[in-house]
Amino acid sequence: MPIDTVASASGALYATPPTRAPKQTLDADAFMNLLVAQLKNQDPSSPMDTGQMISQTTQLAMMEQITKQTTTSNENFSLQMRIAAAGLVGQQVSYTNSDGDAISGIASSVSFAGPVPQVTVDGVEVALDAISGIRTPASTTPTATSTSSTSTTN
């Protein structure tokens, strides 16, 4: 067998495994792994205090609940932004464009594709958080015309 073939075949055996990016947050899995490692490596002559274990388990449960509340809060905020954006359709809105000019126009549609709803104002997509004012457009109802009627008496 040629040396090149052996080197390439053995290179696969000794290749370094891909490194994974370290987690930046302490989630439930990381917390549980730490607790298990602590239990495995504890000194048998002086085991962990049960009060400490209960405290750490309680902290884990609290962390999971806080994470769920944060997720729910973010979902609620997103829903509120969508409702607010949808309520702008047909309204006259104002915003400041990238040149610093105050622009006003009628909101005609809303897109929920991104993290912040985009409101289309006179053909221009504007982020919901860039809208600075809302006004009900002036109604264009025709003026009432009076019709005369003749009455006859007998």
N, C-alpha and C. Protein backbone atom coordinates (compact mmCIF):
# COMPACT_ATOMS: atom_id res chain seq x y z
N MET A 1 0.86 -1.17 0.00
CA MET A 1 0.00 0.00 0.00
C MET A 1 0.90 1.23 0.00
N PRO A 2 0.63 2.22 -0.86
CA PRO A 2 1.46 3.40 -0.90
C PRO A 2 1.33 4.22 0.38
N ILE A 3 2.37 4.95 0.68
CA ILE A 3 2.40 5.75 1.91
C ILE A 3 1.31 6.82 1.89
N ASP A 4 1.05 7.42 0.74
CA ASP A 4 0.01 8.46 0.65
C ASP A 4 -1.35 7.92 1.06
N THR A 5 -1.66 6.69 0.65
CA THR A 5 -2.95 6.09 0.99
C THR A 5 -3.04 5.85 2.49
N VAL A 6 -1.95 5.37 3.10
CA VAL A 6 -1.95 5.12 4.54
C VAL A 6 -2.09 6.44 5.29
N ALA A 7 -1.39 7.47 4.82
CA ALA A 7 -1.45 8.77 5.49
C ALA A 7 -2.86 9.35 5.41
N SER A 8 -3.47 9.24 4.22
CA SER A 8 -4.81 9.81 4.09
C SER A 8 -5.83 8.98 4.87
N ALA A 9 -5.67 7.69 4.91
CA ALA A 9 -6.59 6.85 5.66
C ALA A 9 -6.42 7.08 7.15
N SER A 10 -5.18 7.19 7.61
CA SER A 10 -4.97 7.40 9.04
C SER A 10 -5.30 8.82 9.44
N GLY A 11 -5.25 9.76 8.48
CA GLY A 11 -5.61 11.15 8.78
C GLY A 11 -7.05 11.26 9.22
N ALA A 12 -7.91 10.43 8.64
CA ALA A 12 -9.32 10.45 9.03
C ALA A 12 -9.49 9.93 10.45
N LEU A 13 -8.63 8.98 10.85
CA LEU A 13 -8.72 8.44 12.20
C LEU A 13 -8.28 9.44 13.25
N TYR A 14 -7.29 10.25 12.91
CA TYR A 14 -6.73 11.18 13.88
C TYR A 14 -7.16 12.62 13.67
N ALA A 15 -8.16 12.81 12.85
CA ALA A 15 -8.65 14.16 12.60
C ALA A 15 -9.27 14.71 13.88
N THR A 16 -9.04 15.98 14.13
CA THR A 16 -9.62 16.59 15.32
C THR A 16 -11.11 16.77 15.12
N PRO A 17 -11.86 16.43 16.13
CA PRO A 17 -13.31 16.61 16.01
C PRO A 17 -13.63 18.10 15.94
N PRO A 18 -14.73 18.42 15.27
CA PRO A 18 -15.09 19.84 15.18
C PRO A 18 -15.37 20.40 16.57
N THR A 19 -14.90 21.61 16.80
CA THR A 19 -15.15 22.23 18.10
C THR A 19 -16.53 22.87 18.07
N ARG A 20 -17.20 22.80 19.18
CA ARG A 20 -18.53 23.41 19.24
C ARG A 20 -18.41 24.73 19.99
N ALA A 21 -19.26 25.63 19.62
CA ALA A 21 -19.25 26.95 20.26
C ALA A 21 -19.80 26.80 21.68
N PRO A 22 -19.16 27.41 22.66
CA PRO A 22 -19.67 27.30 24.03
C PRO A 22 -20.99 28.03 24.18
N LYS A 23 -21.83 27.50 25.05
CA LYS A 23 -23.12 28.13 25.31
C LYS A 23 -22.89 29.43 26.08
N GLN A 24 -23.68 30.42 25.77
CA GLN A 24 -23.56 31.70 26.44
C GLN A 24 -24.59 31.87 27.55
N THR A 25 -25.50 30.90 27.65
CA THR A 25 -26.54 30.98 28.67
C THR A 25 -26.54 29.70 29.49
N LEU A 26 -27.01 29.82 30.70
CA LEU A 26 -27.12 28.66 31.58
C LEU A 26 -28.57 28.17 31.49
N ASP A 27 -28.78 27.11 30.71
CA ASP A 27 -30.13 26.58 30.58
C ASP A 27 -30.30 25.38 31.51
N ALA A 28 -31.46 24.75 31.45
CA ALA A 28 -31.78 23.64 32.35
C ALA A 28 -30.83 22.46 32.15
N ASP A 29 -30.45 22.19 30.89
CA ASP A 29 -29.53 21.07 30.63
C ASP A 29 -28.17 21.31 31.26
N ALA A 30 -27.65 22.51 31.12
CA ALA A 30 -26.34 22.82 31.70
C ALA A 30 -26.41 22.75 33.22
N PHE A 31 -27.48 23.25 33.79
CA PHE A 31 -27.64 23.22 35.24
C PHE A 31 -27.71 21.77 35.74
N MET A 32 -28.47 20.94 35.03
CA MET A 32 -28.60 19.54 35.42
C MET A 32 -27.25 18.81 35.28
N ASN A 33 -26.52 19.10 34.22
CA ASN A 33 -25.19 18.49 34.04
C ASN A 33 -24.25 18.88 35.18
N LEU A 34 -24.30 20.12 35.60
CA LEU A 34 -23.47 20.56 36.73
C LEU A 34 -23.86 19.84 38.01
N LEU A 35 -25.14 19.69 38.24
CA LEU A 35 -25.61 19.01 39.45
C LEU A 35 -25.19 17.54 39.45
N VAL A 36 -25.32 16.88 38.31
CA VAL A 36 -24.93 15.47 38.21
C VAL A 36 -23.41 15.34 38.41
N ALA A 37 -22.64 16.23 37.80
CA ALA A 37 -21.18 16.18 37.97
C ALA A 37 -20.80 16.41 39.43
N GLN A 38 -21.52 17.29 40.09
CA GLN A 38 -21.26 17.56 41.51
C GLN A 38 -21.54 16.31 42.35
N LEU A 39 -22.64 15.63 42.02
CA LEU A 39 -22.98 14.41 42.77
C LEU A 39 -21.97 13.29 42.51
N LYS A 40 -21.53 13.16 41.26
CA LYS A 40 -20.56 12.11 40.92
C LYS A 40 -19.22 12.33 41.61
N ASN A 41 -18.83 13.56 41.75
CA ASN A 41 -17.50 13.88 42.25
C ASN A 41 -17.47 14.29 43.72
N GLN A 42 -18.55 14.06 44.41
CA GLN A 42 -18.54 14.45 45.81
C GLN A 42 -17.74 13.47 46.65
N ASP A 43 -17.27 13.92 47.75
CA ASP A 43 -16.48 13.10 48.67
C ASP A 43 -17.45 12.18 49.41
N PRO A 44 -17.27 10.85 49.31
CA PRO A 44 -18.20 9.92 49.97
C PRO A 44 -18.22 10.08 51.49
N SER A 45 -17.10 10.54 52.07
CA SER A 45 -17.07 10.69 53.52
C SER A 45 -17.84 11.93 53.99
N SER A 46 -18.05 12.89 53.09
CA SER A 46 -18.89 14.03 53.46
C SER A 46 -19.77 14.39 52.26
N PRO A 47 -20.88 13.66 52.12
CA PRO A 47 -21.76 13.89 50.96
C PRO A 47 -22.42 15.26 51.03
N MET A 48 -22.98 15.64 49.89
CA MET A 48 -23.66 16.93 49.79
C MET A 48 -24.82 16.99 50.78
N ASP A 49 -24.99 18.13 51.36
CA ASP A 49 -26.09 18.38 52.28
C ASP A 49 -27.41 18.30 51.49
N THR A 50 -28.38 17.58 52.03
CA THR A 50 -29.66 17.45 51.33
C THR A 50 -30.35 18.80 51.18
N GLY A 51 -30.16 19.68 52.11
CA GLY A 51 -30.72 21.02 52.02
C GLY A 51 -30.17 21.77 50.80
N GLN A 52 -28.85 21.58 50.57
CA GLN A 52 -28.24 22.20 49.39
C GLN A 52 -28.82 21.63 48.11
N MET A 53 -29.01 20.31 48.09
CA MET A 53 -29.55 19.67 46.89
C MET A 53 -30.97 20.16 46.62
N ILE A 54 -31.77 20.25 47.66
CA ILE A 54 -33.15 20.74 47.49
C ILE A 54 -33.12 22.19 47.01
N SER A 55 -32.21 22.98 47.56
CA SER A 55 -32.09 24.38 47.15
C SER A 55 -31.70 24.48 45.68
N GLN A 56 -30.75 23.66 45.25
CA GLN A 56 -30.34 23.70 43.85
C GLN A 56 -31.45 23.20 42.92
N THR A 57 -32.18 22.20 43.34
CA THR A 57 -33.30 21.71 42.54
C THR A 57 -34.38 22.78 42.43
N THR A 58 -34.62 23.48 43.51
CA THR A 58 -35.59 24.56 43.51
C THR A 58 -35.13 25.68 42.57
N GLN A 59 -33.84 25.98 42.60
CA GLN A 59 -33.31 27.00 41.70
C GLN A 59 -33.50 26.60 40.24
N LEU A 60 -33.31 25.33 39.95
CA LEU A 60 -33.53 24.83 38.59
C LEU A 60 -34.99 25.03 38.18
N ALA A 61 -35.90 24.66 39.05
CA ALA A 61 -37.33 24.81 38.74
C ALA A 61 -37.68 26.28 38.54
N MET A 62 -37.13 27.14 39.39
CA MET A 62 -37.41 28.57 39.26
C MET A 62 -36.84 29.11 37.94
N MET A 63 -35.66 28.66 37.57
CA MET A 63 -35.05 29.10 36.32
C MET A 63 -35.91 28.68 35.13
N GLU A 64 -36.43 27.47 35.16
CA GLU A 64 -37.28 27.00 34.07
C GLU A 64 -38.56 27.83 33.98
N GLN A 65 -39.15 28.17 35.12
CA GLN A 65 -40.37 28.98 35.13
C GLN A 65 -40.10 30.39 34.61
N ILE A 66 -38.97 30.97 35.01
CA ILE A 66 -38.61 32.31 34.53
C ILE A 66 -38.40 32.28 33.02
N THR A 67 -37.76 31.23 32.53
CA THR A 67 -37.55 31.10 31.09
C THR A 67 -38.88 31.00 30.36
N LYS A 68 -39.82 30.23 30.90
CA LYS A 68 -41.15 30.11 30.29
C LYS A 68 -41.87 31.46 30.31
N GLN A 69 -41.76 32.19 31.43
CA GLN A 69 -42.43 33.49 31.52
C GLN A 69 -41.83 34.47 30.52
N THR A 70 -40.52 34.43 30.36
CA THR A 70 -39.87 35.32 29.40
C THR A 70 -40.34 35.01 27.99
N THR A 71 -40.42 33.74 27.65
CA THR A 71 -40.89 33.33 26.33
C THR A 71 -42.33 33.80 26.11
N THR A 72 -43.18 33.59 27.10
CA THR A 72 -44.57 33.99 27.00
C THR A 72 -44.68 35.51 26.88
N SER A 73 -43.88 36.23 27.64
CA SER A 73 -43.89 37.69 27.58
C SER A 73 -43.46 38.18 26.20
N ASN A 74 -42.44 37.57 25.62
CA ASN A 74 -41.99 37.95 24.28
C ASN A 74 -43.06 37.67 23.23
N GLU A 75 -43.75 36.52 23.38
CA GLU A 75 -44.82 36.19 22.44
C GLU A 75 -45.98 37.17 22.57
N ASN A 76 -46.31 37.57 23.80
CA ASN A 76 -47.39 38.54 24.01
C ASN A 76 -47.03 39.89 23.40
N PHE A 77 -45.78 40.32 23.58
CA PHE A 77 -45.34 41.60 23.02
C PHE A 77 -45.42 41.55 21.49
N SER A 78 -45.00 40.44 20.90
CA SER A 78 -45.06 40.29 19.45
C SER A 78 -46.51 40.36 18.97
N LEU A 79 -47.40 39.70 19.69
CA LEU A 79 -48.82 39.73 19.31
C LEU A 79 -49.38 41.15 19.43
N GLN A 80 -49.01 41.87 20.47
CA GLN A 80 -49.48 43.25 20.63
C GLN A 80 -48.99 44.14 19.49
N MET A 81 -47.74 43.93 19.06
CA MET A 81 -47.22 44.72 17.93
C MET A 81 -48.01 44.40 16.67
N ARG A 82 -48.35 43.13 16.46
CA ARG A 82 -49.11 42.76 15.27
C ARG A 82 -50.51 43.37 15.29
N ILE A 83 -51.15 43.35 16.45
CA ILE A 83 -52.48 43.94 16.57
C ILE A 83 -52.42 45.44 16.32
N ALA A 84 -51.42 46.09 16.91
CA ALA A 84 -51.27 47.54 16.72
C ALA A 84 -51.03 47.87 15.25
N ALA A 85 -50.18 47.09 14.60
CA ALA A 85 -49.88 47.35 13.18
C ALA A 85 -51.12 47.14 12.32
N ALA A 86 -51.86 46.08 12.59
CA ALA A 86 -53.07 45.81 11.80
C ALA A 86 -54.10 46.92 11.99
N GLY A 87 -54.15 47.51 13.17
CA GLY A 87 -55.08 48.60 13.43
C GLY A 87 -54.75 49.88 12.68
N LEU A 88 -53.56 49.96 12.12
CA LEU A 88 -53.16 51.17 11.39
C LEU A 88 -53.66 51.20 9.96
N VAL A 89 -54.07 50.05 9.43
CA VAL A 89 -54.52 50.00 8.03
C VAL A 89 -55.72 50.94 7.86
N GLY A 90 -55.60 51.82 6.88
CA GLY A 90 -56.66 52.80 6.60
C GLY A 90 -56.49 54.09 7.37
N GLN A 91 -55.54 54.14 8.29
CA GLN A 91 -55.31 55.35 9.08
C GLN A 91 -54.23 56.20 8.43
N GLN A 92 -54.26 57.49 8.71
CA GLN A 92 -53.19 58.37 8.25
C GLN A 92 -52.10 58.33 9.32
N VAL A 93 -50.90 57.96 8.92
CA VAL A 93 -49.79 57.86 9.86
C VAL A 93 -48.67 58.79 9.44
N SER A 94 -47.83 59.14 10.39
CA SER A 94 -46.67 59.96 10.09
C SER A 94 -45.43 59.28 10.63
N TYR A 95 -44.32 59.51 9.94
CA TYR A 95 -43.03 58.93 10.34
C TYR A 95 -41.93 59.84 9.82
N THR A 96 -40.73 59.63 10.30
CA THR A 96 -39.58 60.38 9.83
C THR A 96 -38.74 59.45 8.97
N ASN A 97 -38.47 59.87 7.74
CA ASN A 97 -37.68 59.01 6.84
C ASN A 97 -36.19 59.12 7.15
N SER A 98 -35.37 58.39 6.41
CA SER A 98 -33.93 58.35 6.67
C SER A 98 -33.25 59.71 6.45
N ASP A 99 -33.87 60.60 5.67
CA ASP A 99 -33.32 61.94 5.45
C ASP A 99 -33.72 62.92 6.55
N GLY A 100 -34.58 62.46 7.48
CA GLY A 100 -35.03 63.33 8.57
C GLY A 100 -36.28 64.11 8.24
N ASP A 101 -36.91 63.82 7.10
CA ASP A 101 -38.13 64.52 6.70
C ASP A 101 -39.35 63.86 7.33
N ALA A 102 -40.29 64.67 7.80
CA ALA A 102 -41.55 64.15 8.34
C ALA A 102 -42.46 63.81 7.16
N ILE A 103 -42.91 62.59 7.11
CA ILE A 103 -43.76 62.11 6.02
C ILE A 103 -45.09 61.66 6.61
N SER A 104 -46.14 61.91 5.87
CA SER A 104 -47.47 61.50 6.27
C SER A 104 -48.12 60.76 5.12
N GLY A 105 -48.92 59.77 5.42
CA GLY A 105 -49.61 59.03 4.37
C GLY A 105 -50.58 58.03 4.96
N ILE A 106 -51.31 57.38 4.09
CA ILE A 106 -52.31 56.39 4.50
C ILE A 106 -51.66 55.00 4.54
N ALA A 107 -51.83 54.31 5.64
CA ALA A 107 -51.32 52.94 5.77
C ALA A 107 -52.25 52.02 5.00
N SER A 108 -51.67 51.26 4.06
CA SER A 108 -52.51 50.42 3.21
C SER A 108 -52.40 48.94 3.53
N SER A 109 -51.26 48.49 4.08
CA SER A 109 -51.11 47.07 4.40
C SER A 109 -50.03 46.91 5.46
N VAL A 110 -49.94 45.67 5.96
CA VAL A 110 -48.96 45.35 7.00
C VAL A 110 -48.32 44.02 6.65
N SER A 111 -47.00 43.92 6.87
CA SER A 111 -46.28 42.67 6.69
C SER A 111 -45.72 42.22 8.03
N PHE A 112 -45.93 40.94 8.36
CA PHE A 112 -45.45 40.39 9.62
C PHE A 112 -44.24 39.49 9.41
N ALA A 113 -43.54 39.62 8.28
CA ALA A 113 -42.45 38.72 7.94
C ALA A 113 -41.24 38.86 8.86
N GLY A 114 -40.93 40.04 9.33
CA GLY A 114 -39.73 40.26 10.14
C GLY A 114 -40.04 40.32 11.62
N PRO A 115 -39.04 40.66 12.43
CA PRO A 115 -39.26 40.75 13.87
C PRO A 115 -40.14 41.93 14.27
N VAL A 116 -40.14 42.99 13.44
CA VAL A 116 -41.00 44.15 13.69
C VAL A 116 -41.93 44.28 12.49
N PRO A 117 -43.24 44.38 12.71
CA PRO A 117 -44.16 44.52 11.58
C PRO A 117 -43.81 45.73 10.71
N GLN A 118 -43.97 45.57 9.40
CA GLN A 118 -43.71 46.64 8.44
C GLN A 118 -45.05 47.14 7.91
N VAL A 119 -45.29 48.44 8.06
CA VAL A 119 -46.53 49.06 7.60
C VAL A 119 -46.24 49.74 6.27
N THR A 120 -47.04 49.44 5.25
CA THR A 120 -46.87 50.09 3.96
C THR A 120 -47.65 51.39 3.96
N VAL A 121 -46.92 52.49 3.80
CA VAL A 121 -47.51 53.84 3.79
C VAL A 121 -47.24 54.46 2.44
N ASP A 122 -48.28 54.62 1.65
CA ASP A 122 -48.16 55.18 0.30
C ASP A 122 -47.05 54.49 -0.49
N GLY A 123 -47.00 53.16 -0.43
CA GLY A 123 -46.04 52.37 -1.19
C GLY A 123 -44.68 52.19 -0.54
N VAL A 124 -44.44 52.80 0.61
CA VAL A 124 -43.15 52.69 1.31
C VAL A 124 -43.34 51.86 2.57
N GLU A 125 -42.47 50.86 2.75
CA GLU A 125 -42.55 50.04 3.96
C GLU A 125 -41.85 50.76 5.11
N VAL A 126 -42.57 50.91 6.22
CA VAL A 126 -42.07 51.61 7.40
C VAL A 126 -42.20 50.68 8.59
N ALA A 127 -41.13 50.56 9.38
CA ALA A 127 -41.19 49.72 10.58
C ALA A 127 -42.19 50.32 11.56
N LEU A 128 -42.94 49.47 12.23
CA LEU A 128 -43.96 49.93 13.18
C LEU A 128 -43.37 50.88 14.21
N ASP A 129 -42.18 50.57 14.70
CA ASP A 129 -41.59 51.41 15.74
C ASP A 129 -41.07 52.75 15.21
N ALA A 130 -41.11 52.97 13.90
CA ALA A 130 -40.70 54.26 13.33
C ALA A 130 -41.88 55.19 13.15
N ILE A 131 -43.09 54.68 13.31
CA ILE A 131 -44.29 55.51 13.13
C ILE A 131 -44.45 56.38 14.37
N SER A 132 -44.57 57.70 14.12
CA SER A 132 -44.60 58.64 15.24
C SER A 132 -45.98 59.23 15.50
N GLY A 133 -46.92 59.06 14.60
CA GLY A 133 -48.25 59.61 14.82
C GLY A 133 -49.31 58.90 14.01
N ILE A 134 -50.54 58.97 14.53
CA ILE A 134 -51.68 58.34 13.85
C ILE A 134 -52.82 59.34 13.88
N ARG A 135 -53.51 59.45 12.76
CA ARG A 135 -54.65 60.35 12.70
C ARG A 135 -55.70 59.71 11.81
N THR A 136 -56.93 59.79 12.21
CA THR A 136 -58.01 59.29 11.38
C THR A 136 -58.09 60.20 10.16
N PRO A 137 -58.09 59.61 8.96
CA PRO A 137 -58.14 60.47 7.77
C PRO A 137 -59.45 61.23 7.70
N ALA A 138 -59.38 62.42 7.11
CA ALA A 138 -60.58 63.24 6.94
C ALA A 138 -61.57 62.46 6.10
N SER A 139 -62.80 62.47 6.52
CA SER A 139 -63.79 61.70 5.76
C SER A 139 -64.15 62.46 4.50
N THR A 140 -64.41 61.73 3.48
CA THR A 140 -64.73 62.33 2.18
C THR A 140 -66.19 62.08 1.84
N THR A 141 -67.05 62.15 2.83
CA THR A 141 -68.47 61.92 2.56
C THR A 141 -69.04 63.14 1.87
N PRO A 142 -69.90 62.93 0.90
CA PRO A 142 -70.48 64.07 0.20
C PRO A 142 -71.38 64.86 1.14
N THR A 143 -71.50 66.15 0.87
CA THR A 143 -72.35 66.99 1.71
C THR A 143 -73.80 66.64 1.44
N ALA A 144 -74.60 66.77 2.47
CA ALA A 144 -76.03 66.43 2.34
C ALA A 144 -76.71 67.50 1.48
N THR A 145 -77.53 67.07 0.57
CA THR A 145 -78.28 68.00 -0.26
C THR A 145 -79.72 67.91 0.17
N SER A 146 -80.35 69.05 0.18
CA SER A 146 -81.74 69.02 0.61
C SER A 146 -82.61 68.87 -0.63
N THR A 147 -83.64 68.10 -0.47
CA THR A 147 -84.59 67.93 -1.55
C THR A 147 -85.89 68.56 -1.11
N SER A 148 -86.46 69.24 -2.01
CA SER A 148 -87.73 69.88 -1.62
C SER A 148 -88.88 68.98 -1.99
N SER A 149 -89.82 68.98 -1.15
CA SER A 149 -91.00 68.19 -1.43
C SER A 149 -92.21 69.11 -1.37
N THR A 150 -93.10 68.82 -2.17
CA THR A 150 -94.30 69.65 -2.18
C THR A 150 -95.39 68.91 -1.44
N SER A 151 -96.07 69.63 -0.67
CA SER A 151 -97.16 68.99 0.03
C SER A 151 -98.46 69.60 -0.45
N THR A 152 -99.42 68.80 -0.54
CA THR A 152 -100.72 69.28 -0.99
C THR A 152 -101.71 69.12 0.15
N THR A 153 -102.54 70.07 0.26
CA THR A 153 -103.58 69.99 1.28
C THR A 153 -104.91 69.80 0.63
N ASN A 154 -105.75 69.10 1.23
CA ASN A 154 -107.08 68.84 0.68
C ASN A 154 -108.04 69.84 1.14
